[in-house]
Protein backbone atom coordinates (compact mmCIF):
# COMPACT_ATOMS: atom_id res chain seq x y z
CA MET A 1 63.32 -31.95 112.22
CA LYS A 2 60.15 -31.86 110.15
CA LEU A 3 60.05 -34.27 107.24
CA ASN A 4 56.57 -33.42 105.98
CA PHE A 5 57.75 -30.97 103.34
CA ILE A 6 59.92 -33.53 101.51
CA CYS A 7 60.58 -32.32 97.97
CA PHE A 8 62.84 -34.85 96.35
CA LYS A 9 62.10 -38.48 95.82
CA ALA A 10 65.76 -39.06 96.66
CA THR A 11 65.55 -37.27 100.03
CA LEU A 12 65.88 -40.44 102.09
CA VAL A 13 69.07 -41.25 100.22
CA VAL A 14 70.39 -37.80 101.01
CA LEU A 15 69.62 -38.21 104.70
CA THR A 16 71.38 -41.56 104.75
CA LEU A 17 74.46 -40.03 103.16
CA LEU A 18 74.41 -37.11 105.56
CA THR A 19 74.46 -39.47 108.54
CA ASN A 20 77.75 -40.90 107.23
CA LEU A 21 79.34 -37.61 106.22
CA ASN A 22 80.25 -34.40 107.92
CA VAL A 23 77.07 -32.31 107.95
CA ASN A 24 78.96 -29.50 106.27
CA ALA A 25 80.16 -31.71 103.41
CA GLN A 26 79.20 -31.37 99.76
CA VAL A 27 77.29 -34.38 98.45
CA THR A 28 77.17 -36.08 95.05
CA ILE A 29 74.38 -38.51 94.22
CA GLY A 30 74.71 -40.91 91.28
CA SER A 31 78.49 -41.19 90.97
CA GLY A 32 81.69 -41.28 92.95
CA PHE A 33 82.90 -37.97 91.61
CA PRO A 34 83.08 -35.07 94.05
CA ALA A 35 80.44 -32.37 93.98
CA LYS A 36 81.19 -29.21 92.06
CA SER A 37 82.67 -26.52 94.24
CA GLY A 38 79.64 -24.25 94.12
CA SER A 39 77.06 -26.92 94.99
CA ILE A 40 75.94 -28.57 98.19
CA LEU A 41 74.12 -31.32 96.32
CA ASP A 42 75.31 -32.48 92.88
CA LEU A 43 73.30 -35.07 90.91
CA LYS A 44 75.24 -36.83 88.12
CA GLU A 45 76.40 -40.22 86.82
CA ASN A 46 79.80 -39.02 85.63
CA ASP A 47 81.88 -35.87 85.71
CA ASN A 48 81.38 -34.76 82.11
CA PRO A 49 80.82 -31.00 81.78
CA GLY A 50 78.07 -31.69 79.26
CA VAL A 51 75.56 -34.52 79.42
CA ASN A 52 76.42 -36.52 82.50
CA SER A 53 73.27 -38.50 83.30
CA THR A 54 70.42 -40.44 81.74
CA LYS A 55 68.08 -39.60 84.61
CA GLY A 56 66.53 -36.47 86.09
CA LEU A 57 65.22 -34.99 89.31
CA LEU A 58 61.68 -35.97 90.27
CA CYS A 59 59.94 -33.69 92.77
CA SER A 60 57.54 -34.98 95.37
CA ARG A 61 53.91 -35.11 94.30
CA VAL A 62 51.92 -33.03 96.79
CA ARG A 63 48.27 -32.04 96.91
CA LEU A 64 48.49 -28.46 98.14
CA GLU A 65 45.62 -27.16 100.25
CA GLY A 66 45.71 -23.57 99.06
CA LEU A 67 47.82 -20.80 97.57
CA THR A 68 48.70 -19.22 100.91
CA THR A 69 49.19 -22.20 103.20
CA LEU A 70 52.10 -24.62 103.58
CA GLU A 71 49.76 -27.54 104.19
CA PRO A 72 50.22 -30.47 103.80
CA CYS A 73 53.98 -29.90 103.90
CA ILE A 74 53.52 -28.51 107.39
CA PRO A 75 50.24 -29.51 109.04
CA SER A 76 48.48 -26.61 110.72
CA SER A 77 48.86 -28.37 114.08
CA GLU A 78 52.66 -28.24 113.73
CA PHE A 79 52.96 -24.77 112.20
CA VAL A 80 55.03 -22.28 114.21
CA ALA A 81 55.72 -18.60 113.72
CA GLY A 82 58.42 -18.00 111.14
CA ASP A 83 57.78 -21.15 109.09
CA GLU A 84 56.65 -18.97 106.15
CA THR A 85 60.12 -17.41 106.00
CA THR A 86 62.25 -20.45 106.75
CA HIS A 87 60.57 -22.41 103.95
CA ILE A 88 61.12 -19.84 101.21
CA GLY A 89 62.36 -21.76 98.15
CA LEU A 90 60.52 -25.00 98.98
CA VAL A 91 59.63 -26.71 95.69
CA VAL A 92 56.89 -29.29 95.12
CA TYR A 93 54.92 -30.67 92.21
CA ASN A 94 51.29 -29.80 93.01
CA MET A 95 48.63 -32.33 92.04
CA ARG A 96 45.53 -30.29 92.95
CA ASP A 97 43.57 -28.97 89.96
CA ASP A 98 41.19 -26.34 91.31
CA LEU A 99 41.28 -22.97 89.57
CA SER A 100 38.67 -21.60 91.96
CA ILE A 101 41.48 -21.42 94.54
CA GLY A 102 44.18 -20.65 91.99
CA LEU A 103 45.85 -24.08 91.86
CA CYS A 104 46.63 -26.34 88.93
CA PRO A 105 49.12 -29.21 88.40
CA GLY A 106 52.77 -28.23 88.03
CA LEU A 107 55.92 -27.18 89.87
CA HIS A 108 55.31 -24.63 92.61
CA VAL A 109 57.80 -22.72 94.75
CA TRP A 110 56.96 -21.11 98.10
CA ASP A 111 57.93 -17.41 98.15
CA GLY A 112 57.23 -16.75 101.81
CA ALA A 113 53.58 -15.85 101.37
CA THR A 114 52.18 -17.88 98.49
CA TRP A 115 52.88 -20.72 96.11
CA VAL A 116 54.15 -19.52 92.74
CA ARG A 117 53.71 -21.83 89.78
CA LEU A 118 56.74 -22.42 87.53
CA PRO A 119 57.40 -21.36 84.85
CA GLU A 120 54.10 -19.45 84.52
CA PRO A 121 50.87 -18.99 86.47
CA CYS A 122 47.92 -21.31 86.02
CA GLN A 123 45.92 -20.47 82.95
CA PRO A 124 42.37 -19.60 84.02
CA ALA A 125 39.48 -21.69 82.82
CA PRO A 126 37.96 -20.09 79.74
CA ILE A 127 34.75 -18.13 80.08
CA ASP A 128 32.07 -19.32 77.69
CA PRO A 129 32.42 -16.83 74.81
CA ASP A 130 28.69 -17.00 74.12
CA LEU A 131 28.03 -15.17 77.40
CA ILE A 132 28.95 -11.92 75.67
CA ASN A 133 25.63 -12.24 73.84
CA THR A 134 23.50 -12.59 76.97
CA PRO A 135 20.95 -9.77 77.36
CA ASN A 136 21.17 -6.60 79.40
CA CYS A 137 17.45 -6.70 80.20
CA TYR A 138 15.67 -9.55 81.97
CA ILE A 139 11.90 -9.85 82.13
CA VAL A 140 10.73 -11.08 85.54
CA ALA A 141 7.11 -11.88 86.33
CA PRO A 142 5.64 -10.22 89.44
CA GLY A 143 6.32 -12.35 92.50
CA ALA A 144 8.85 -14.51 90.65
CA ALA A 145 12.62 -14.87 90.37
CA SER A 146 14.75 -14.15 87.33
CA GLU A 147 16.63 -16.74 85.40
CA GLU A 148 20.26 -16.93 86.44
CA ILE A 149 22.19 -13.94 85.08
CA PRO A 150 25.82 -14.82 84.20
CA VAL A 151 28.52 -12.49 85.50
CA GLY A 152 30.93 -13.70 82.82
CA LYS A 153 29.65 -11.13 80.32
CA PRO A 154 31.43 -8.05 81.72
CA TYR A 155 34.73 -9.94 81.91
CA LEU A 156 34.43 -10.72 78.20
CA VAL A 157 33.39 -7.20 77.19
CA TRP A 158 36.10 -5.47 79.22
CA GLU A 159 38.70 -7.89 77.83
CA GLN A 160 37.70 -7.64 74.18
CA ARG A 161 37.27 -3.89 73.76
CA SER A 162 40.42 -1.81 73.29
CA ASP A 163 38.83 1.17 75.07
CA LEU A 164 38.26 -0.86 78.26
CA GLU A 165 40.68 -2.52 80.69
CA LYS A 166 40.76 -6.23 81.42
CA LEU A 167 39.12 -7.18 84.72
CA SER A 168 41.11 -9.08 87.34
CA ARG A 169 39.78 -12.53 88.12
CA ALA A 170 41.37 -12.29 91.55
CA ASP A 171 38.99 -9.48 92.53
CA LYS A 172 35.86 -10.10 94.56
CA VAL A 173 32.35 -10.03 93.13
CA SER A 174 29.46 -8.34 94.93
CA LEU A 175 26.00 -7.06 93.97
CA ASP A 176 24.09 -3.83 94.38
CA LEU A 177 20.48 -2.83 93.75
CA ILE A 178 21.08 0.61 92.25
CA TRP A 179 17.48 1.77 91.87
CA GLN A 180 13.90 0.62 91.53
CA ASP A 181 11.05 2.78 90.27
CA VAL A 182 8.49 1.31 92.69
CA SER A 183 9.13 1.08 96.41
CA GLY A 184 9.62 -2.54 97.45
CA LEU A 185 9.67 -3.83 93.88
CA ILE A 186 12.69 -6.09 94.42
CA SER A 187 12.76 -8.48 97.38
CA GLY A 188 16.16 -10.05 96.81
CA VAL A 189 19.39 -9.86 94.81
CA GLU A 190 21.85 -12.69 95.38
CA LEU A 191 24.86 -14.51 94.04
CA VAL A 192 23.86 -18.09 93.36
CA ASP A 193 26.44 -20.30 95.16
CA GLY A 194 28.31 -17.20 96.32
CA ASP A 195 31.29 -15.46 94.73
CA GLN A 196 32.61 -17.62 91.90
CA GLY A 197 34.47 -14.81 90.14
CA PRO A 198 33.63 -14.69 86.43
CA PHE A 199 31.61 -17.88 86.85
CA SER A 200 29.23 -16.23 89.33
CA LYS A 201 25.52 -16.07 88.63
CA ILE A 202 22.89 -13.60 89.83
CA LYS A 203 19.29 -14.22 90.83
CA VAL A 204 16.83 -11.36 91.29
CA THR A 205 13.49 -11.90 93.02
CA ALA A 206 10.56 -9.52 92.64
CA ASN A 207 7.63 -8.81 94.91
CA ASN A 208 4.12 -9.01 93.49
CA LEU A 209 4.41 -5.59 91.84
CA THR A 210 5.30 -4.26 88.40
CA GLY A 211 8.06 -1.83 87.56
CA ASN A 212 11.74 -1.52 86.69
CA ALA A 213 15.02 -1.85 88.53
CA LEU A 214 18.75 -1.67 87.87
CA VAL A 215 21.03 -4.30 89.41
CA ALA A 216 24.82 -3.96 89.23
CA VAL A 217 27.81 -6.21 89.76
CA ARG A 218 30.77 -4.65 91.55
CA ILE A 219 34.19 -6.20 90.99
CA GLY A 220 37.13 -5.13 93.13
CA PRO A 221 39.36 -5.91 96.12
CA ASN A 222 36.82 -5.26 98.88
CA GLY A 223 33.76 -7.27 97.97
CA ASN A 224 31.29 -4.50 98.83
CA ASN A 225 29.77 -1.28 97.48
CA THR A 226 33.11 0.52 97.63
CA ASP A 227 34.21 -1.49 94.59
CA PRO A 228 33.47 -0.08 91.13
CA ILE A 229 30.44 -1.10 89.11
CA ARG A 230 31.58 -3.18 86.14
CA TRP A 231 28.20 -4.01 84.62
CA SER A 232 24.51 -3.51 85.29
CA TRP A 233 21.28 -5.11 84.15
CA HIS A 234 17.77 -3.76 83.69
CA ILE A 235 15.18 -5.87 85.51
CA TRP A 236 11.79 -5.39 83.86
CA VAL A 237 9.13 -6.70 86.24
CA THR A 238 6.01 -7.23 84.17
CA SER A 239 3.40 -9.84 83.35
CA TYR A 240 4.04 -9.12 79.65
CA ASP A 241 6.12 -11.85 78.02
CA PRO A 242 6.59 -11.42 74.25
CA ASN A 243 8.23 -14.85 74.08
CA ASN A 244 5.27 -16.59 75.66
CA GLY A 245 2.00 -15.36 74.24
CA GLY A 246 2.44 -11.62 74.79
CA THR A 247 0.99 -9.40 72.05
CA THR A 248 3.30 -8.57 69.15
CA TYR A 249 2.75 -6.77 65.84
CA THR A 250 4.14 -7.64 62.41
CA THR A 251 4.78 -5.15 59.61
CA ASN A 252 6.73 -4.99 56.36
CA ASN A 253 8.24 -1.67 55.29
CA GLY A 254 8.58 -2.81 51.68
CA GLU A 255 12.08 -4.19 52.20
CA LYS A 256 11.99 -6.14 55.43
CA THR A 257 9.53 -7.73 57.85
CA TYR A 258 9.64 -6.67 61.49
CA VAL A 259 7.92 -8.20 64.51
CA PHE A 260 7.48 -5.54 67.21
CA MET A 261 6.68 -5.75 70.89
CA ASP A 262 3.41 -4.03 71.74
CA ARG A 263 5.14 -1.61 74.14
CA ASN A 264 8.33 0.29 74.87
CA ILE A 265 11.06 -1.31 76.96
CA GLY A 266 10.13 -0.83 80.60
CA ALA A 267 6.44 -0.12 80.00
CA THR A 268 4.22 -1.99 82.43
CA THR A 269 0.99 -1.22 80.57
CA VAL A 270 -0.33 -0.17 77.16
CA ASN A 271 -3.16 1.82 78.71
CA THR A 272 -3.25 5.11 76.80
CA THR A 273 -4.04 7.10 79.95
CA ASP A 274 -1.32 5.58 82.13
CA ALA A 275 2.10 7.28 82.08
CA ASN A 276 3.70 3.91 82.82
CA SER A 277 3.10 3.09 79.15
CA MET A 278 6.08 5.32 78.29
CA GLY A 279 8.62 2.88 79.71
CA MET A 280 12.30 3.82 79.78
CA THR A 281 14.43 6.30 77.82
CA TYR A 282 17.90 5.49 76.45
CA GLN A 283 20.88 7.36 75.13
CA TRP A 284 21.75 5.83 71.78
CA GLY A 285 24.20 2.94 72.19
CA ARG A 286 23.93 2.67 75.98
CA LYS A 287 22.53 -0.45 77.61
CA ASP A 288 21.22 1.21 80.78
CA PRO A 289 17.78 2.83 81.05
CA PHE A 290 16.77 6.22 82.37
CA PRO A 291 13.20 6.67 83.63
CA ALA A 292 10.62 8.35 81.44
CA ASN A 293 8.79 11.50 82.37
CA LYS A 294 6.46 11.29 85.35
CA TYR A 295 3.41 12.65 83.53
CA PHE A 296 1.79 12.90 80.12
CA GLY A 297 0.92 16.25 78.61
CA THR A 298 2.10 19.62 79.82
CA GLY A 299 3.15 18.72 83.34
CA PRO A 300 6.52 17.00 82.91
CA ASP A 301 8.66 16.07 85.86
CA PHE A 302 11.44 13.66 86.82
CA ARG A 303 10.32 10.44 88.46
CA ASP A 304 11.39 9.54 91.96
CA LEU A 305 13.33 6.32 92.29
CA TYR A 306 14.09 4.17 95.33
CA ASN A 307 17.33 2.63 96.54
CA SER A 308 17.75 -0.83 98.07
CA SER A 309 16.45 0.52 101.40
CA ASN A 310 13.33 1.85 99.65
CA THR A 311 14.43 5.41 100.35
CA ILE A 312 13.55 7.96 97.66
CA ILE A 313 16.45 9.05 95.46
CA THR A 314 15.87 12.08 93.28
CA GLU A 315 16.68 13.37 89.80
CA VAL A 316 16.84 17.16 89.45
CA ASP A 317 17.75 19.77 86.85
CA GLU A 318 21.12 20.85 88.20
CA LEU A 319 21.33 24.00 86.06
CA ASN A 320 17.84 25.25 86.82
CA THR A 321 17.78 24.35 90.53
CA GLU A 322 21.50 24.66 91.39
CA THR A 323 21.20 21.42 93.38
CA VAL A 324 22.33 17.82 92.80
CA GLY A 325 19.99 14.86 93.02
CA THR A 326 20.63 11.63 94.89
CA GLY A 327 19.55 9.37 92.02
CA ILE A 328 19.95 9.97 88.29
CA GLN A 329 22.46 12.76 87.68
CA HIS A 330 23.48 14.75 84.60
CA MET A 331 27.09 15.43 83.64
CA GLN A 332 28.85 16.87 80.62
CA VAL A 333 30.99 14.32 78.77
CA ALA A 334 34.67 15.10 79.32
CA ASP A 335 36.54 12.24 77.65
CA LEU A 336 37.51 11.34 74.11
CA LYS A 337 36.38 7.79 74.90
CA ASN A 338 33.62 7.74 77.49
CA LEU A 339 32.40 4.14 77.27
CA GLY A 340 34.20 2.99 80.41
CA LYS A 341 32.77 5.80 82.51
CA SER A 342 29.28 5.11 81.20
CA ILE A 343 29.53 1.51 82.43
CA LEU A 344 30.98 2.52 85.78
CA ASN A 345 28.26 5.14 86.21
CA PRO A 346 24.95 3.79 84.90
CA VAL A 347 22.99 6.51 86.73
CA ILE A 348 24.83 9.40 85.07
CA TYR A 349 23.28 10.90 81.96
CA TYR A 350 26.23 12.21 79.90
CA TYR A 351 25.26 15.21 77.79
CA ALA A 352 27.22 17.21 75.23
CA GLN A 353 28.60 20.69 75.82
CA LYS A 354 26.40 23.72 75.25
CA ASP A 355 26.17 24.75 71.59
CA ASP A 356 23.45 27.21 70.59
CA THR A 357 24.21 26.60 66.90
CA ASP A 358 23.08 22.97 67.11
CA THR A 359 19.44 23.90 66.65
CA SER A 360 18.59 20.57 65.03
CA ASN A 361 19.97 18.53 67.96
CA ASP A 362 21.67 16.15 65.56
CA ARG A 363 25.42 16.37 66.13
CA SER A 364 26.46 15.33 69.64
CA ASP A 365 27.40 12.06 71.30
CA TRP A 366 27.66 10.98 74.96
CA PHE A 367 30.44 8.60 73.86
CA THR A 368 33.01 11.31 73.08
CA THR A 369 33.90 14.99 73.26
CA ASP A 370 34.94 14.82 69.60
CA GLU A 371 32.13 16.43 67.63
CA THR A 372 33.61 15.59 64.24
CA GLY A 373 32.20 12.06 64.50
CA ALA A 374 35.62 10.47 64.02
CA SER A 375 35.79 9.09 67.58
CA SER A 376 32.23 7.76 67.83
CA ASP A 377 31.30 4.07 67.75
CA SER A 378 28.42 3.60 65.34
CA ASP A 379 28.01 -0.13 65.95
CA LEU A 380 27.18 0.01 69.67
CA TRP A 381 23.68 -1.27 68.94
CA GLY A 382 24.64 -3.49 65.98
CA GLY A 383 23.58 -1.11 63.23
CA ILE A 384 26.67 -1.93 61.17
CA SER A 385 27.14 -5.62 61.98
CA GLY A 386 23.42 -6.30 61.68
CA THR A 387 23.48 -8.48 64.80
CA LYS A 388 22.47 -7.86 68.38
CA SER A 389 25.36 -6.20 70.18
CA PRO A 390 26.66 -6.63 73.77
CA PHE A 391 25.19 -3.19 74.56
CA ASP A 392 21.71 -3.78 73.13
CA PRO A 393 19.07 -2.93 75.80
CA CYS A 394 16.40 -5.44 74.68
CA PRO A 395 15.54 -8.75 76.42
CA ALA A 396 16.64 -12.14 75.08
CA GLY A 397 15.39 -12.82 71.57
CA TRP A 398 14.77 -9.13 70.83
CA LYS A 399 16.88 -6.21 69.66
CA VAL A 400 16.75 -2.54 68.70
CA PRO A 401 15.23 -2.27 65.19
CA GLN A 402 17.55 -1.39 62.34
CA MET A 403 16.91 0.65 59.21
CA SER A 404 16.46 -1.73 56.28
CA SER A 405 18.25 0.77 54.04
CA GLU A 406 19.50 4.33 54.27
CA THR A 407 16.06 5.87 53.89
CA LYS A 408 13.74 3.05 54.97
CA SER A 409 12.92 2.95 58.66
CA PRO A 410 11.08 0.02 60.28
CA TRP A 411 8.00 2.29 60.45
CA ASP A 412 8.35 3.55 56.87
CA LYS A 413 4.76 2.81 55.81
CA TYR A 414 3.48 4.79 58.78
CA GLU A 415 5.68 7.81 58.14
CA ASN A 416 4.84 10.64 55.79
CA GLY A 417 7.50 13.25 56.50
CA GLY A 418 5.15 16.11 55.71
CA GLY A 419 2.57 15.65 58.42
CA TRP A 420 -0.67 13.81 58.89
CA ASP A 421 -3.93 15.19 57.64
CA PRO A 422 -5.38 17.23 60.54
CA GLU A 423 -8.65 15.30 60.25
CA TYR A 424 -6.95 12.33 61.86
CA THR A 425 -7.81 12.13 65.54
CA MET A 426 -4.61 11.72 67.52
CA GLY A 427 -4.76 10.98 71.22
CA SER A 428 -3.57 13.46 73.79
CA THR A 429 -1.03 10.93 75.09
CA GLY A 430 0.12 9.18 71.93
CA VAL A 431 -0.70 7.62 68.59
CA THR A 432 -2.19 4.23 67.82
CA MET A 433 -0.44 3.11 64.66
CA GLY A 434 -2.60 1.61 61.93
CA GLY A 435 -6.12 0.48 62.59
CA THR A 436 -8.80 3.14 62.15
CA MET A 437 -6.26 5.94 61.77
CA MET A 438 -4.31 4.29 58.98
CA GLY A 439 -6.80 1.87 57.55
CA THR A 440 -4.45 0.61 54.85
CA GLN A 441 -1.81 -0.48 57.38
CA PRO A 442 -1.93 -3.19 60.05
CA SER A 443 -1.94 -2.11 63.65
CA LEU A 444 1.37 -1.57 65.44
CA GLY A 445 -0.17 -0.67 68.76
CA PHE A 446 0.09 2.41 70.95
CA TYR A 447 3.10 4.75 70.73
CA PRO A 448 3.18 7.24 73.62
CA TYR A 449 4.46 10.72 72.90
CA GLY A 450 6.59 10.66 76.02
CA PHE A 451 9.35 13.23 76.16
CA PRO A 452 12.81 12.86 74.63
CA ARG A 453 15.69 14.10 76.78
CA PHE A 454 17.85 17.08 75.82
CA PRO A 455 21.21 16.12 74.25
CA ARG A 456 22.76 19.42 75.42
CA PRO A 457 22.06 22.01 78.12
CA ILE A 458 19.91 24.99 77.22
CA VAL A 459 21.01 28.25 78.78
CA SER A 460 18.79 31.34 78.82
CA CYS A 461 15.89 29.66 77.05
CA VAL A 462 13.96 32.06 74.80
CA THR A 463 10.97 29.84 74.03
CA VAL A 464 7.57 30.99 75.26
CA GLY A 465 7.09 29.83 78.82
CA CYS A 466 10.77 29.36 79.68
CA ALA A 467 12.49 32.65 78.81
CA GLY A 468 15.67 33.24 80.77
CA GLN A 469 15.71 29.80 82.37
CA ASN A 470 18.43 27.15 82.21
CA TYR A 471 17.88 23.47 81.47
CA VAL A 472 20.46 20.76 81.88
CA GLY A 473 21.27 18.14 79.29
CA GLY A 474 19.06 15.16 80.06
CA ALA A 475 16.03 17.26 80.97
CA PHE A 476 12.92 16.40 78.99
CA VAL A 477 12.41 17.97 75.56
CA GLY A 478 8.88 19.30 75.43
CA SER A 479 9.01 20.23 79.08
CA TYR A 480 9.65 23.85 78.28
CA VAL A 481 8.07 24.38 74.86
CA VAL A 482 4.51 25.11 73.78
CA ASN A 483 3.85 21.74 72.14
CA SER A 484 4.61 18.86 74.48
CA GLU A 485 3.04 16.15 72.31
CA ARG A 486 6.16 14.59 70.92
CA GLY A 487 8.22 11.46 71.16
CA ALA A 488 11.21 9.76 69.56
CA TYR A 489 11.94 6.09 68.88
CA TRP A 490 15.49 4.90 68.25
CA THR A 491 16.74 2.60 65.53
CA ALA A 492 20.11 0.84 65.76
CA THR A 493 21.34 2.72 62.70
CA SER A 494 23.78 5.60 63.05
CA SER A 495 23.41 8.72 60.94
CA ALA A 496 26.03 9.70 58.38
CA ASN A 497 27.74 12.16 60.74
CA ASN A 498 28.20 9.40 63.39
CA LEU A 499 27.00 11.85 66.07
CA ALA A 500 23.29 11.18 65.58
CA ALA A 501 21.18 8.11 64.92
CA LYS A 502 18.13 7.40 62.82
CA THR A 503 14.97 7.94 64.80
CA SER A 504 11.26 8.01 64.11
CA GLY A 505 9.83 11.10 65.73
CA ILE A 506 6.24 11.97 66.59
CA VAL A 507 4.88 15.49 66.70
CA GLY A 508 1.34 15.31 68.00
CA ALA A 509 -2.01 16.92 67.35
CA GLY A 510 -1.07 20.05 69.28
CA SER A 511 1.29 20.97 66.46
CA PRO A 512 0.23 22.85 63.33
CA MET A 513 1.68 19.95 61.34
CA PRO A 514 1.27 16.63 63.19
CA SER A 515 3.70 14.04 61.88
CA PHE A 516 5.50 10.75 62.36
CA THR A 517 8.70 10.96 60.40
CA ASN A 518 12.22 9.59 60.03
CA MET A 519 14.77 12.01 61.45
CA ASP A 520 18.26 12.31 62.93
CA PHE A 521 18.54 12.76 66.70
CA ALA A 522 21.77 13.33 68.63
CA LYS A 523 23.15 10.22 70.32
CA SER A 524 23.46 12.18 73.56
CA GLY A 525 19.69 12.66 73.50
CA GLY A 526 17.33 10.32 75.28
CA ALA A 527 14.59 8.48 73.37
CA TYR A 528 12.46 5.34 73.58
CA VAL A 529 13.06 1.82 72.26
CA ARG A 530 10.46 -0.49 70.72
CA CYS A 531 12.20 -3.86 70.36
CA VAL A 532 11.85 -6.19 67.36
CA LYS A 533 12.29 -9.94 67.25
CA GLU A 534 15.79 -11.13 66.34
């Protein structure tokens, strides 16, 4: 008879009594009164139906080895088949305090497969609430490793938002390199100290190259790439560091002072002839980037990306080509609340349904099918709260710029609304703000035209050069029109209809009326971000 799983401090007394009594007898401990008829063991000092003792039952103190093992009650060397079943109901007071294996002090009962804590499960260790404010973009120097990226953030976001479901801490954590825009850019993606659930940390190591990548955490039962993506981070591999001597520009729009980076998020150069100066495009309110156009000027095209095996993955215009790419894809939003899907699918560009009456491209949202604006979230980038949001795409210490008032954009002193004087020389690839072009204003650096992305599909295009063709939502605006010198730069501020956001748009020298002006652009469109210091 095994004695290792002793529960009661009084067990030895019980055994002594049993040696002097019929083994089928009922036993009372603490008094000479007989045991109650329905009990085998009755602990009492008298036979009162109410309070009948001044003492209680004290369970054995045991340091359990794990949730699914009977050790140390039954050492592994003595374990035999069937012990899990024959010990159902075994009760101990566990002394081990180790939430990483699901154990904390308290009464536990064996249910045949696992120890169940009574009267309630162990309360998990709290996740540092400040992790919700950690960035979605990490700058990594070429040939270097990132700082440790905390996995706790998605657990907090999914728990706190009513339109998302709480993540299970029992699920496994794994990592995935979703894409990189330069072959061999990323040399390693790892969990520091392995899977620690919500306390896991990620380290990304870059080769001696520059570019951009997207790294995702998968959380689910399998611990591999069959589990769903629950969050993803933009890795910006560049020698530019705005927090450590990198060029920045300061301006005041008459109401507020802004300190700008000298480039768009994701840009690896500010060379006015290098298309890598365009950086990344974003749908308003989303944290995940989509690559910019491959070329400047009149030859637009999707960029090739590379997976973790350095195999090319493609982005195509599904409507125009009737094919589906293997990388970035385009899909019409189909849900009233689409935030969860956008997190699960960071490589899907969600566009609004076709609407030929929306000629201004200012009333659609990737977040929802509801085009009244009632179901949109206008604080996704902190435009209402005034603080950096959990979905802000900028690196630590930086955020998407906000309008200082309803009509004052961060670039207000550089905007004219009616067009620049044609005598101004504007580059073929972008505009250098201030300096010789705007002698009364300080320089803000180079702003590439780039190409915004369509917020909706265009079917049977009638514009010169594209008549009768189809273009999917997410294709590049300017790709199929006469003037391709244009760009758009997001602010964090939503427009009054909640379906668009305030943007500063450039129409270049190829237009009859070149301009840089404040405008509304649909949230399902794709534009560029020039971060400002928090």
